[in-house]
Structures are given as C-alpha cells and as structure tokens.
Amino acid sequence: MITLTKTNLYKNPNTKTTYIQEEQTSEEITAQEYRNITSADTLKFFRRLGGTESAQYSYTCDGYTITFLTSTSPDKQKKTIREFSFS
C-alpha cells in the first residue's frame, strides 16, 4: 500500500524564494501508478518542458526508492511536492 501526499504551493509575491501552501491532499495509489509517476522517462520529459524535477531517495520496505518528489513549473510560480509513504 502506497500513500501519496500531494502539496500544491504558489509563489509568495512579496519575496523571491518563499512559497505559500495552496492545498494538500492525500490518497492511496497502486504500485503501477507509483512507477508511472517516478519513472526516469517521466522525470526527463518534464525537465525537457522547462520545469524542475527533484527526487529524493531513501530506504523503505520496498527497497531504495523515491520517497519525496518536488516539481516546479517552468515559470517558477507553482511548486508541487509529492511524498510517498510505504506500508
């Protein structure tokens, strides 16, 4: 069972580097959906569009996998943080 916690942030208009949380959702996803979200081809595709994709790996019950994925839009105004919890 994989739990995805997705946090959407938008740029604070008063500063250069801070973001304000817009919404946070949590849902259960399948192993196939996890592989689609975190595959190397998916990350490369969004990087080619101009966005920033940053993945953090850590040891879980499924092995050494991505547990934290940060995506930033090409215009740097929106950021999405995805946290994966394995059980």
Protein backbone atom coordinates (compact mmCIF):
# COMPACT_ATOMS: atom_id res chain seq x y z
CA MET A 1 0.00 0.00 0.00
CA ILE A 2 1.41 3.38 -1.04
CA THR A 3 0.09 6.67 0.33
CA LEU A 4 0.67 9.80 -1.76
CA THR A 5 0.53 13.17 -0.02
CA LYS A 6 0.45 15.96 -2.60
CA THR A 7 1.05 19.58 -1.59
CA ASN A 8 0.48 22.43 -4.06
CA LEU A 9 2.33 25.70 -3.43
CA TYR A 10 2.36 29.05 -5.20
CA LYS A 11 4.99 31.78 -5.17
CA ASN A 12 4.76 34.46 -2.48
CA PRO A 13 4.52 37.76 -4.43
CA ASN A 14 6.40 39.68 -1.71
CA THR A 15 9.58 37.59 -1.75
CA LYS A 16 11.83 35.82 -4.22
CA THR A 17 12.21 32.37 -2.70
CA THR A 18 9.23 31.52 -0.48
CA TYR A 19 6.04 29.68 -1.38
CA ILE A 20 2.57 29.68 0.18
CA GLN A 21 0.63 26.42 0.58
CA GLU A 22 -2.48 26.32 -1.57
CA GLU A 23 -3.84 22.84 -0.83
CA GLN A 24 -2.81 19.43 0.46
CA THR A 25 -4.39 16.10 -0.50
CA SER A 26 -3.73 12.51 0.45
CA GLU A 27 -4.68 9.36 -1.48
CA GLU A 28 -3.82 5.68 -1.87
CA ILE A 29 -2.13 4.73 -5.14
CA THR A 30 -1.15 1.44 -6.73
CA ALA A 31 2.38 0.26 -7.43
CA GLN A 32 1.84 0.83 -11.17
CA GLU A 33 0.79 4.46 -10.58
CA TYR A 34 3.89 4.95 -8.40
CA ARG A 35 6.14 3.59 -11.15
CA ASN A 36 4.48 5.90 -13.72
CA ILE A 37 4.98 8.99 -11.52
CA THR A 38 8.59 8.25 -10.58
CA SER A 39 9.99 6.67 -13.75
CA ALA A 40 13.14 8.20 -15.22
CA ASP A 41 11.39 8.85 -18.54
CA THR A 42 8.63 10.85 -16.82
CA LEU A 43 11.14 12.99 -14.93
CA LYS A 44 13.18 13.60 -18.10
CA PHE A 45 10.03 14.57 -20.03
CA PHE A 46 9.07 17.29 -17.56
CA ARG A 47 12.65 18.57 -17.39
CA ARG A 48 12.64 18.93 -21.19
CA LEU A 49 9.49 21.06 -20.94
CA GLY A 50 11.44 23.51 -18.80
CA GLY A 51 10.31 22.52 -15.33
CA THR A 52 12.47 21.32 -12.46
CA GLU A 53 12.13 17.79 -11.12
CA SER A 54 13.96 16.82 -7.93
CA ALA A 55 13.76 13.32 -6.43
CA GLN A 56 14.96 12.22 -3.00
CA TYR A 57 15.63 8.54 -2.38
CA SER A 58 15.56 6.68 0.90
CA TYR A 59 15.34 3.12 2.18
CA THR A 60 11.79 1.75 2.56
CA CYS A 61 10.18 -1.66 2.93
CA ASP A 62 10.22 -1.84 -0.91
CA GLY A 63 13.94 -1.03 -1.11
CA TYR A 64 15.85 2.11 -2.05
CA THR A 65 13.09 4.15 -3.75
CA ILE A 66 11.89 7.70 -4.31
CA THR A 67 10.04 8.97 -1.25
CA PHE A 68 9.99 12.72 -1.96
CA LEU A 69 9.43 14.32 -5.39
CA THR A 70 9.48 18.09 -5.96
CA SER A 71 8.22 19.57 -9.24
CA THR A 72 8.50 23.27 -10.14
CA SER A 73 6.72 24.84 -13.13
CA PRO A 74 8.78 26.41 -15.94
CA ASP A 75 7.80 29.94 -14.86
CA LYS A 76 8.77 29.13 -11.22
CA GLN A 77 5.38 30.31 -9.93
CA LYS A 78 3.99 26.91 -8.82
CA LYS A 79 5.57 24.02 -6.96
CA THR A 80 4.18 20.56 -6.26
CA ILE A 81 5.61 18.32 -3.56
CA ARG A 82 4.75 14.62 -3.57
CA GLU A 83 5.56 12.48 -0.53
CA PHE A 84 5.28 8.70 -0.76
CA SER A 85 4.70 6.53 2.32
CA PHE A 86 5.02 2.75 2.04
CA SER A 87 3.22 0.32 4.32
